[in-house]
Amino acid sequence: GIATVTRRHSSSTILRKLGGSSLEINGVPLPPYYDPQ
């Protein structure tokens, strides 16, 4: 699965603690991005 997760309220941190990880491309993590919406 995939989740687009905010860093607000530690949401992304919680998902990582449960076992989630950054989406990787050739071993390189996709960096965070700013969502203007």
Full PDB file with SEQRES, HELIX, SHEET, SSBOND, CRYST1, ORIGX, SCALE, CONECT and MASTER records, all heavy atoms in Angstrom:
SEQRES   1 A   37  GLY ILE ALA THR VAL THR ARG ARG HIS SER SER SER THR          
SEQRES   2 A   37  ILE LEU ARG LYS LEU GLY GLY SER SER LEU GLU ILE ASN          
SEQRES   3 A   37  GLY VAL PRO LEU PRO PRO TYR TYR ASP PRO GLN                  
HELIX    1 AA1 ARG A    8  SER A   10  5                                   3    
HELIX    2 AA2 SER A   11  LEU A   18  1                                   8    
SHEET    1 AA1 2 GLU A  24  ILE A  25  0                                        
SHEET    2 AA1 2 VAL A  28  PRO A  29 -1                                        
CRYST1    1.000    1.000    1.000  90.00  90.00  90.00 P 1           1          
ORIGX1      1.000000  0.000000  0.000000        0.00000                         
ORIGX2      0.000000  1.000000  0.000000        0.00000                         
ORIGX3      0.000000  0.000000  1.000000        0.00000                         
SCALE1      1.000000  0.000000  0.000000        0.00000                         
SCALE2      0.000000  1.000000  0.000000        0.00000                         
SCALE3      0.000000  0.000000  1.000000        0.00000                         
ATOM      1  N   GLY A   1       0.800  -1.214   0.000  1.00  0.00           N  
ATOM      2  CA  GLY A   1       0.000   0.000   0.000  1.00  0.00           C  
ATOM      3  C   GLY A   1       0.829   1.259   0.000  1.00  0.00           C  
ATOM      4  O   GLY A   1       2.051   1.233   0.202  1.00  0.00           O  
ATOM      5  N   ILE A   2       0.135   2.351  -0.234  1.00  0.00           N  
ATOM      6  CA  ILE A   2       0.761   3.660  -0.265  1.00  0.00           C  
ATOM      7  C   ILE A   2      -0.132   4.635   0.481  1.00  0.00           C  
ATOM      8  O   ILE A   2      -1.364   4.513   0.466  1.00  0.00           O  
ATOM      9  CB  ILE A   2       0.999   4.121  -1.721  1.00  0.00           C  
ATOM     10  CG1 ILE A   2       1.878   5.372  -1.761  1.00  0.00           C  
ATOM     11  CG2 ILE A   2      -0.318   4.347  -2.451  1.00  0.00           C  
ATOM     12  CD1 ILE A   2       2.369   5.697  -3.157  1.00  0.00           C  
ATOM     13  N   ALA A   3       0.490   5.587   1.145  1.00  0.00           N  
ATOM     14  CA  ALA A   3      -0.260   6.603   1.876  1.00  0.00           C  
ATOM     15  C   ALA A   3       0.422   7.949   1.676  1.00  0.00           C  
ATOM     16  O   ALA A   3       1.646   8.049   1.775  1.00  0.00           O  
ATOM     17  CB  ALA A   3      -0.330   6.263   3.357  1.00  0.00           C  
ATOM     18  N   THR A   4      -0.373   8.952   1.355  1.00  0.00           N  
ATOM     19  CA  THR A   4       0.120  10.322   1.298  1.00  0.00           C  
ATOM     20  C   THR A   4      -0.176  10.930   2.656  1.00  0.00           C  
ATOM     21  O   THR A   4      -1.334  11.187   2.986  1.00  0.00           O  
ATOM     22  CB  THR A   4      -0.579  11.104   0.177  1.00  0.00           C  
ATOM     23  OG1 THR A   4      -0.416  10.399  -1.059  1.00  0.00           O  
ATOM     24  CG2 THR A   4       0.002  12.499   0.037  1.00  0.00           C  
ATOM     25  N   VAL A   5       0.868  11.145   3.454  1.00  0.00           N  
ATOM     26  CA  VAL A   5       0.684  11.421   4.883  1.00  0.00           C  
ATOM     27  C   VAL A   5       1.283  12.772   5.254  1.00  0.00           C  
ATOM     28  O   VAL A   5       2.410  13.099   4.867  1.00  0.00           O  
ATOM     29  CB  VAL A   5       1.352  10.326   5.745  1.00  0.00           C  
ATOM     30  CG1 VAL A   5       0.974  10.495   7.205  1.00  0.00           C  
ATOM     31  CG2 VAL A   5       0.956   8.942   5.256  1.00  0.00           C  
ATOM     32  N   THR A   6       0.525  13.542   6.008  1.00  0.00           N  
ATOM     33  CA  THR A   6       1.021  14.810   6.501  1.00  0.00           C  
ATOM     34  C   THR A   6       2.010  14.606   7.640  1.00  0.00           C  
ATOM     35  O   THR A   6       1.957  13.602   8.359  1.00  0.00           O  
ATOM     36  CB  THR A   6      -0.137  15.692   6.984  1.00  0.00           C  
ATOM     37  OG1 THR A   6       0.392  16.911   7.515  1.00  0.00           O  
ATOM     38  CG2 THR A   6      -0.937  15.015   8.074  1.00  0.00           C  
ATOM     39  N   ARG A   7       2.898  15.587   7.814  1.00  0.00           N  
ATOM     40  CA  ARG A   7       3.794  15.572   8.960  1.00  0.00           C  
ATOM     41  C   ARG A   7       3.146  16.217  10.179  1.00  0.00           C  
ATOM     42  O   ARG A   7       3.708  16.178  11.267  1.00  0.00           O  
ATOM     43  CB  ARG A   7       5.092  16.305   8.612  1.00  0.00           C  
ATOM     44  CG  ARG A   7       6.006  15.506   7.669  1.00  0.00           C  
ATOM     45  CD  ARG A   7       7.313  16.223   7.423  1.00  0.00           C  
ATOM     46  NE  ARG A   7       8.325  15.302   6.945  1.00  0.00           N  
ATOM     47  CZ  ARG A   7       9.603  15.637   6.754  1.00  0.00           C  
ATOM     48  NH1 ARG A   7      10.011  16.879   7.003  1.00  0.00           N  
ATOM     49  NH2 ARG A   7      10.474  14.746   6.317  1.00  0.00           N  
ATOM     50  N   ARG A   8       1.958  16.812   9.987  1.00  0.00           N  
ATOM     51  CA  ARG A   8       1.249  17.397  11.122  1.00  0.00           C  
ATOM     52  C   ARG A   8       0.898  16.321  12.139  1.00  0.00           C  
ATOM     53  O   ARG A   8       0.546  15.205  11.792  1.00  0.00           O  
ATOM     54  CB  ARG A   8      -0.050  18.068  10.658  1.00  0.00           C  
ATOM     55  CG  ARG A   8       0.115  19.416   9.977  1.00  0.00           C  
ATOM     56  CD  ARG A   8      -1.234  20.087   9.875  1.00  0.00           C  
ATOM     57  NE  ARG A   8      -1.146  21.371   9.182  1.00  0.00           N  
ATOM     58  CZ  ARG A   8      -1.597  21.591   7.961  1.00  0.00           C  
ATOM     59  NH1 ARG A   8      -2.177  20.620   7.293  1.00  0.00           N  
ATOM     60  NH2 ARG A   8      -1.480  22.780   7.408  1.00  0.00           N  
ATOM     61  N   HIS A   9       0.947  16.695  13.397  1.00  0.00           N  
ATOM     62  CA  HIS A   9       0.534  15.812  14.495  1.00  0.00           C  
ATOM     63  C   HIS A   9       1.274  14.477  14.473  1.00  0.00           C  
ATOM     64  O   HIS A   9       0.756  13.462  14.947  1.00  0.00           O  
ATOM     65  CB  HIS A   9      -0.979  15.572  14.458  1.00  0.00           C  
ATOM     66  CG  HIS A   9      -1.789  16.821  14.326  1.00  0.00           C  
ATOM     67  ND1 HIS A   9      -1.677  17.880  15.201  1.00  0.00           N  
ATOM     68  CD2 HIS A   9      -2.718  17.185  13.384  1.00  0.00           C  
ATOM     69  CE1 HIS A   9      -2.512  18.843  14.819  1.00  0.00           C  
ATOM     70  NE2 HIS A   9      -3.131  18.460  13.731  1.00  0.00           N  
ATOM     71  N   SER A  10       2.478  14.472  13.869  1.00  0.00           N  
ATOM     72  CA  SER A  10       3.335  13.270  13.833  1.00  0.00           C  
ATOM     73  C   SER A  10       2.693  12.110  13.081  1.00  0.00           C  
ATOM     74  O   SER A  10       3.016  10.942  13.339  1.00  0.00           O  
ATOM     75  CB  SER A  10       3.692  12.822  15.266  1.00  0.00           C  
ATOM     76  OG  SER A  10       4.340  13.854  15.977  1.00  0.00           O  
ATOM     77  N   SER A  11       1.790  12.398  12.152  1.00  0.00           N  
ATOM     78  CA  SER A  11       1.094  11.323  11.438  1.00  0.00           C  
ATOM     79  C   SER A  11       2.055  10.426  10.684  1.00  0.00           C  
ATOM     80  O   SER A  11       1.966   9.193  10.743  1.00  0.00           O  
ATOM     81  CB  SER A  11       0.070  11.923  10.468  1.00  0.00           C  
ATOM     82  OG  SER A  11      -0.917  12.645  11.165  1.00  0.00           O  
ATOM     83  N   SER A  12       2.998  11.020   9.936  1.00  0.00           N  
ATOM     84  CA  SER A  12       3.941  10.205   9.171  1.00  0.00           C  
ATOM     85  C   SER A  12       4.867   9.429  10.114  1.00  0.00           C  
ATOM     86  O   SER A  12       5.236   8.282   9.828  1.00  0.00           O  
ATOM     87  CB  SER A  12       4.751  11.080   8.221  1.00  0.00           C  
ATOM     88  OG  SER A  12       5.481  12.069   8.918  1.00  0.00           O  
ATOM     89  N   THR A  13       5.222  10.027  11.241  1.00  0.00           N  
ATOM     90  CA  THR A  13       6.079   9.349  12.214  1.00  0.00           C  
ATOM     91  C   THR A  13       5.396   8.108  12.773  1.00  0.00           C  
ATOM     92  O   THR A  13       6.016   7.048  12.939  1.00  0.00           O  
ATOM     93  CB  THR A  13       6.444  10.308  13.369  1.00  0.00           C  
ATOM     94  OG1 THR A  13       7.127  11.436  12.835  1.00  0.00           O  
ATOM     95  CG2 THR A  13       7.326   9.620  14.393  1.00  0.00           C  
ATOM     96  N   ILE A  14       4.095   8.216  13.060  1.00  0.00           N  
ATOM     97  CA  ILE A  14       3.345   7.075  13.597  1.00  0.00           C  
ATOM     98  C   ILE A  14       3.307   5.938  12.590  1.00  0.00           C  
ATOM     99  O   ILE A  14       3.532   4.770  12.935  1.00  0.00           O  
ATOM    100  CB  ILE A  14       1.921   7.508  13.982  1.00  0.00           C  
ATOM    101  CG1 ILE A  14       1.967   8.445  15.192  1.00  0.00           C  
ATOM    102  CG2 ILE A  14       1.028   6.294  14.280  1.00  0.00           C  
ATOM    103  CD1 ILE A  14       0.655   9.112  15.512  1.00  0.00           C  
ATOM    104  N   LEU A  15       3.043   6.254  11.319  1.00  0.00           N  
ATOM    105  CA  LEU A  15       2.976   5.210  10.304  1.00  0.00           C  
ATOM    106  C   LEU A  15       4.331   4.537  10.121  1.00  0.00           C  
ATOM    107  O   LEU A  15       4.416   3.321   9.936  1.00  0.00           O  
ATOM    108  CB  LEU A  15       2.486   5.788   8.977  1.00  0.00           C  
ATOM    109  CG  LEU A  15       2.173   4.776   7.863  1.00  0.00           C  
ATOM    110  CD1 LEU A  15       1.194   3.709   8.345  1.00  0.00           C  
ATOM    111  CD2 LEU A  15       1.618   5.487   6.635  1.00  0.00           C  
ATOM    112  N   ARG A  16       5.393   5.303  10.224  1.00  0.00           N  
ATOM    113  CA  ARG A  16       6.733   4.714  10.134  1.00  0.00           C  
ATOM    114  C   ARG A  16       6.998   3.782  11.323  1.00  0.00           C  
ATOM    115  O   ARG A  16       7.585   2.707  11.162  1.00  0.00           O  
ATOM    116  CB  ARG A  16       7.790   5.808  10.094  1.00  0.00           C  
ATOM    117  CG  ARG A  16       7.857   6.567   8.774  1.00  0.00           C  
ATOM    118  CD  ARG A  16       8.945   7.631   8.818  1.00  0.00           C  
ATOM    119  NE  ARG A  16       8.988   8.393   7.597  1.00  0.00           N  
ATOM    120  CZ  ARG A  16       9.605   7.993   6.478  1.00  0.00           C  
ATOM    121  NH1 ARG A  16      10.216   6.827   6.470  1.00  0.00           N  
ATOM    122  NH2 ARG A  16       9.606   8.744   5.400  1.00  0.00           N  
ATOM    123  N   LYS A  17       6.577   4.179  12.508  1.00  0.00           N  
ATOM    124  CA  LYS A  17       6.789   3.340  13.684  1.00  0.00           C  
ATOM    125  C   LYS A  17       6.068   2.002  13.557  1.00  0.00           C  
ATOM    126  O   LYS A  17       6.536   0.978  14.078  1.00  0.00           O  
ATOM    127  CB  LYS A  17       6.320   4.072  14.940  1.00  0.00           C  
ATOM    128  CG  LYS A  17       7.266   5.168  15.411  1.00  0.00           C  
ATOM    129  CD  LYS A  17       6.768   5.800  16.701  1.00  0.00           C  
ATOM    130  CE  LYS A  17       7.768   6.839  17.210  1.00  0.00           C  
ATOM    131  NZ  LYS A  17       7.301   7.482  18.464  1.00  0.00           N  
ATOM    132  N   LEU A  18       4.936   1.997  12.882  1.00  0.00           N  
ATOM    133  CA  LEU A  18       4.179   0.758  12.724  1.00  0.00           C  
ATOM    134  C   LEU A  18       4.765  -0.160  11.656  1.00  0.00           C  
ATOM    135  O   LEU A  18       4.396  -1.334  11.582  1.00  0.00           O  
ATOM    136  CB  LEU A  18       2.728   1.076  12.372  1.00  0.00           C  
ATOM    137  CG  LEU A  18       1.922   1.807  13.439  1.00  0.00           C  
ATOM    138  CD1 LEU A  18       0.486   2.003  12.984  1.00  0.00           C  
ATOM    139  CD2 LEU A  18       1.955   1.051  14.760  1.00  0.00           C  
ATOM    140  N   GLY A  19       5.658   0.372  10.824  1.00  0.00           N  
ATOM    141  CA  GLY A  19       6.291  -0.467   9.804  1.00  0.00           C  
ATOM    142  C   GLY A  19       6.340   0.151   8.428  1.00  0.00           C  
ATOM    143  O   GLY A  19       6.869  -0.465   7.493  1.00  0.00           O  
ATOM    144  N   GLY A  20       5.784   1.351   8.262  1.00  0.00           N  
ATOM    145  CA  GLY A  20       5.857   2.024   6.979  1.00  0.00           C  
ATOM    146  C   GLY A  20       7.260   2.555   6.707  1.00  0.00           C  
ATOM    147  O   GLY A  20       8.081   2.683   7.621  1.00  0.00           O  
ATOM    148  N   SER A  21       7.531   2.857   5.456  1.00  0.00           N  
ATOM    149  CA  SER A  21       8.836   3.385   5.083  1.00  0.00           C  
ATOM    150  C   SER A  21       8.682   4.268   3.852  1.00  0.00           C  
ATOM    151  O   SER A  21       7.648   4.249   3.171  1.00  0.00           O  
ATOM    152  CB  SER A  21       9.823   2.250   4.797  1.00  0.00           C  
ATOM    153  OG  SER A  21       9.350   1.433   3.740  1.00  0.00           O  
ATOM    154  N   SER A  22       9.728   5.032   3.556  1.00  0.00           N  
ATOM    155  CA  SER A  22       9.691   5.898   2.379  1.00  0.00           C  
ATOM    156  C   SER A  22       9.617   5.058   1.114  1.00  0.00           C  
ATOM    157  O   SER A  22      10.219   3.978   1.032  1.00  0.00           O  
ATOM    158  CB  SER A  22      10.940   6.780   2.323  1.00  0.00           C  
ATOM    159  OG  SER A  22      10.991   7.671   3.408  1.00  0.00           O  
ATOM    160  N   LEU A  23       8.889   5.547   0.142  1.00  0.00           N  
ATOM    161  CA  LEU A  23       8.918   4.936  -1.185  1.00  0.00           C  
ATOM    162  C   LEU A  23      10.310   5.171  -1.762  1.00  0.00           C  
ATOM    163  O   LEU A  23      10.813   6.299  -1.738  1.00  0.00           O  
ATOM    164  CB  LEU A  23       7.849   5.570  -2.068  1.00  0.00           C  
ATOM    165  CG  LEU A  23       7.657   4.949  -3.457  1.00  0.00           C  
ATOM    166  CD1 LEU A  23       7.078   3.542  -3.335  1.00  0.00           C  
ATOM    167  CD2 LEU A  23       6.732   5.823  -4.299  1.00  0.00           C  
ATOM    168  N   GLU A  24      10.952   4.118  -2.263  1.00  0.00           N  
ATOM    169  CA  GLU A  24      12.314   4.236  -2.765  1.00  0.00           C  
ATOM    170  C   GLU A  24      12.376   4.009  -4.266  1.00  0.00           C  
ATOM    171  O   GLU A  24      11.620   3.211  -4.816  1.00  0.00           O  
ATOM    172  CB  GLU A  24      13.234   3.239  -2.057  1.00  0.00           C  
ATOM    173  CG  GLU A  24      13.420   3.521  -0.576  1.00  0.00           C  
ATOM    174  CD  GLU A  24      14.466   2.621   0.058  1.00  0.00           C  
ATOM    175  OE1 GLU A  24      14.965   1.699  -0.639  1.00  0.00           O  
ATOM    176  OE2 GLU A  24      14.800   2.841   1.236  1.00  0.00           O  
ATOM    177  N   ILE A  25      13.294   4.720  -4.904  1.00  0.00           N  
ATOM    178  CA  ILE A  25      13.565   4.558  -6.324  1.00  0.00           C  
ATOM    179  C   ILE A  25      15.039   4.241  -6.462  1.00  0.00           C  
ATOM    180  O   ILE A  25      15.895   5.068  -6.145  1.00  0.00           O  
ATOM    181  CB  ILE A  25      13.204   5.836  -7.135  1.00  0.00           C  
ATOM    182  CG1 ILE A  25      11.722   6.159  -6.977  1.00  0.00           C  
ATOM    183  CG2 ILE A  25      13.539   5.637  -8.606  1.00  0.00           C  
ATOM    184  CD1 ILE A  25      11.394   7.015  -5.802  1.00  0.00           C  
ATOM    185  N   ASN A  26      15.341   2.998  -6.868  1.00  0.00           N  
ATOM    186  CA  ASN A  26      16.732   2.529  -6.970  1.00  0.00           C  
ATOM    187  C   ASN A  26      17.480   2.722  -5.645  1.00  0.00           C  
ATOM    188  O   ASN A  26      18.644   3.132  -5.620  1.00  0.00           O  
ATOM    189  CB  ASN A  26      17.464   3.248  -8.103  1.00  0.00           C  
ATOM    190  CG  ASN A  26      16.840   2.972  -9.459  1.00  0.00           C  
ATOM    191  OD1 ASN A  26      16.407   1.853  -9.731  1.00  0.00           O  
ATOM    192  ND2 ASN A  26      16.785   3.982 -10.304  1.00  0.00           N  
ATOM    193  N   GLY A  27      16.796   2.455  -4.546  1.00  0.00           N  
ATOM    194  CA  GLY A  27      17.413   2.526  -3.236  1.00  0.00           C  
ATOM    195  C   GLY A  27      17.481   3.911  -2.629  1.00  0.00           C  
ATOM    196  O   GLY A  27      17.962   4.069  -1.505  1.00  0.00           O  
ATOM    197  N   VAL A  28      16.957   4.910  -3.338  1.00  0.00           N  
ATOM    198  CA  VAL A  28      16.982   6.285  -2.847  1.00  0.00           C  
ATOM    199  C   VAL A  28      15.575   6.695  -2.415  1.00  0.00           C  
ATOM    200  O   VAL A  28      14.633   6.632  -3.223  1.00  0.00           O  
ATOM    201  CB  VAL A  28      17.495   7.254  -3.929  1.00  0.00           C  
ATOM    202  CG1 VAL A  28      17.490   8.692  -3.405  1.00  0.00           C  
ATOM    203  CG2 VAL A  28      18.892   6.839  -4.394  1.00  0.00           C  
ATOM    204  N   PRO A  29      15.385   7.092  -1.152  1.00  0.00           N  
ATOM    205  CA  PRO A  29      14.042   7.468  -0.684  1.00  0.00           C  
ATOM    206  C   PRO A  29      13.509   8.685  -1.418  1.00  0.00           C  
ATOM    207  O   PRO A  29      14.248   9.637  -1.698  1.00  0.00           O  
ATOM    208  CB  PRO A  29      14.256   7.774   0.808  1.00  0.00           C  
ATOM    209  CG  PRO A  29      15.550   7.120   1.165  1.00  0.00           C  
ATOM    210  CD  PRO A  29      16.389   7.160  -0.078  1.00  0.00           C  
ATOM    211  N   LEU A  30      12.224   8.653  -1.748  1.00  0.00           N  
ATOM    212  CA  LEU A  30      11.567   9.819  -2.325  1.00  0.00           C  
ATOM    213  C   LEU A  30      11.413  10.865  -1.227  1.00  0.00           C  
ATOM    214  O   LEU A  30      10.851  10.578  -0.168  1.00  0.00           O  
ATOM    215  CB  LEU A  30      10.194   9.423  -2.876  1.00  0.00           C  
ATOM    216  CG  LEU A  30       9.480  10.439  -3.757  1.00  0.00           C  
ATOM    217  CD1 LEU A  30      10.202  10.596  -5.093  1.00  0.00           C  
ATOM    218  CD2 LEU A  30       8.038  10.007  -4.004  1.00  0.00           C  
ATOM    219  N   PRO A  31      11.888  12.072  -1.427  1.00  0.00           N  
ATOM    220  CA  PRO A  31      11.854  13.071  -0.357  1.00  0.00           C  
ATOM    221  C   PRO A  31      10.447  13.605  -0.109  1.00  0.00           C  
ATOM    222  O   PRO A  31       9.555  13.470  -0.961  1.00  0.00           O  
ATOM    223  CB  PRO A  31      12.776  14.172  -0.883  1.00  0.00           C  
ATOM    224  CG  PRO A  31      12.682  14.055  -2.367  1.00  0.00           C  
ATOM    225  CD  PRO A  31      12.542  12.584  -2.648  1.00  0.00           C  
ATOM    226  N   PRO A  32      10.227  14.225   1.054  1.00  0.00           N  
ATOM    227  CA  PRO A  32       8.933  14.876   1.315  1.00  0.00           C  
ATOM    228  C   PRO A  32       8.689  15.995   0.301  1.00  0.00           C  
ATOM    229  O   PRO A  32       9.605  16.438  -0.403  1.00  0.00           O  
ATOM    230  CB  PRO A  32       9.105  15.442   2.728  1.00  0.00           C  
ATOM    231  CG  PRO A  32      10.249  14.696   3.313  1.00  0.00           C  
ATOM    232  CD  PRO A  32      11.152  14.357   2.177  1.00  0.00           C  
ATOM    233  N   TYR A  33       7.435  16.440   0.232  1.00  0.00           N  
ATOM    234  CA  TYR A  33       7.097  17.533  -0.676  1.00  0.00           C  
ATOM    235  C   TYR A  33       6.083  18.438   0.012  1.00  0.00           C  
ATOM    236  O   TYR A  33       5.398  18.029   0.949  1.00  0.00           O  
ATOM    237  CB  TYR A  33       6.535  17.004  -2.001  1.00  0.00           C  
ATOM    238  CG  TYR A  33       5.152  16.401  -1.889  1.00  0.00           C  
ATOM    239  CD1 TYR A  33       4.004  17.128  -2.197  1.00  0.00           C  
ATOM    240  CD2 TYR A  33       4.990  15.080  -1.456  1.00  0.00           C  
ATOM    241  CE1 TYR A  33       2.738  16.576  -2.092  1.00  0.00           C  
ATOM    242  CE2 TYR A  33       3.725  14.522  -1.348  1.00  0.00           C  
ATOM    243  CZ  TYR A  33       2.603  15.269  -1.667  1.00  0.00           C  
ATOM    244  OH  TYR A  33       1.351  14.723  -1.539  1.00  0.00           O  
ATOM    245  N   TYR A  34       6.025  19.656  -0.461  1.00  0.00           N  
ATOM    246  CA  TYR A  34       5.063  20.609   0.079  1.00  0.00           C  
ATOM    247  C   TYR A  34       3.807  20.583  -0.771  1.00  0.00           C  
ATOM    248  O   TYR A  34       3.863  20.720  -1.990  1.00  0.00           O  
ATOM    249  CB  TYR A  34       5.642  22.022   0.100  1.00  0.00           C  
ATOM    250  CG  TYR A  34       4.673  23.050   0.660  1.00  0.00           C  
ATOM    251  CD1 TYR A  34       4.477  23.155   2.038  1.00  0.00           C  
ATOM    252  CD2 TYR A  34       3.937  23.876  -0.187  1.00  0.00           C  
ATOM    253  CE1 TYR A  34       3.579  24.071   2.563  1.00  0.00           C  
ATOM    254  CE2 TYR A  34       3.033  24.802   0.327  1.00  0.00           C  
ATOM    255  CZ  TYR A  34       2.857  24.899   1.699  1.00  0.00           C  
ATOM    256  OH  TYR A  34       1.952  25.797   2.216  1.00  0.00           O  
ATOM    257  N   ASP A  35       2.661  20.359  -0.120  1.00  0.00           N  
ATOM    258  CA  ASP A  35       1.375  20.340  -0.823  1.00  0.00           C  
ATOM    259  C   ASP A  35       0.705  21.700  -0.647  1.00  0.00           C  
ATOM    260  O   ASP A  35       0.294  22.055   0.461  1.00  0.00           O  
ATOM    261  CB  ASP A  35       0.477  19.238  -0.251  1.00  0.00           C  
ATOM    262  CG  ASP A  35      -0.765  19.005  -1.093  1.00  0.00           C  
ATOM    263  OD1 ASP A  35      -1.409  19.996  -1.488  1.00  0.00           O  
ATOM    264  OD2 ASP A  35      -1.097  17.835  -1.352  1.00  0.00           O  
ATOM    265  N   PRO A  36       0.583  22.479  -1.733  1.00  0.00           N  
ATOM    266  CA  PRO A  36      -0.008  23.814  -1.602  1.00  0.00           C  
ATOM    267  C   PRO A  36      -1.491  23.786  -1.265  1.00  0.00           C  
ATOM    268  O   PRO A  36      -2.010  24.745  -0.695  1.00  0.00           O  
ATOM    269  CB  PRO A  36       0.237  24.437  -2.985  1.00  0.00           C  
ATOM    270  CG  PRO A  36       0.355  23.265  -3.911  1.00  0.00           C  
ATOM    271  CD  PRO A  36       0.992  22.182  -3.109  1.00  0.00           C  
ATOM    272  N   GLN A  37      -2.176  22.677  -1.593  1.00  0.00           N  
ATOM    273  CA  GLN A  37      -3.602  22.609  -1.261  1.00  0.00           C  
ATOM    274  C   GLN A  37      -3.801  22.457   0.245  1.00  0.00           C  
ATOM    275  O   GLN A  37      -4.608  23.149   0.855  1.00  0.00           O  
ATOM    276  CB  GLN A  37      -4.277  21.441  -1.982  1.00  0.00           C  
ATOM    277  CG  GLN A  37      -5.747  21.281  -1.609  1.00  0.00           C  
ATOM    278  CD  GLN A  37      -6.421  20.117  -2.322  1.00  0.00           C  
ATOM    279  OE1 GLN A  37      -5.916  19.621  -3.325  1.00  0.00           O  
ATOM    280  NE2 GLN A  37      -7.558  19.691  -1.802  1.00  0.00           N  
TER     281      GLN A  37                                                      
MASTER        0    0    0    2    2    0    0    6  280    1    0    3          
END                                                                             
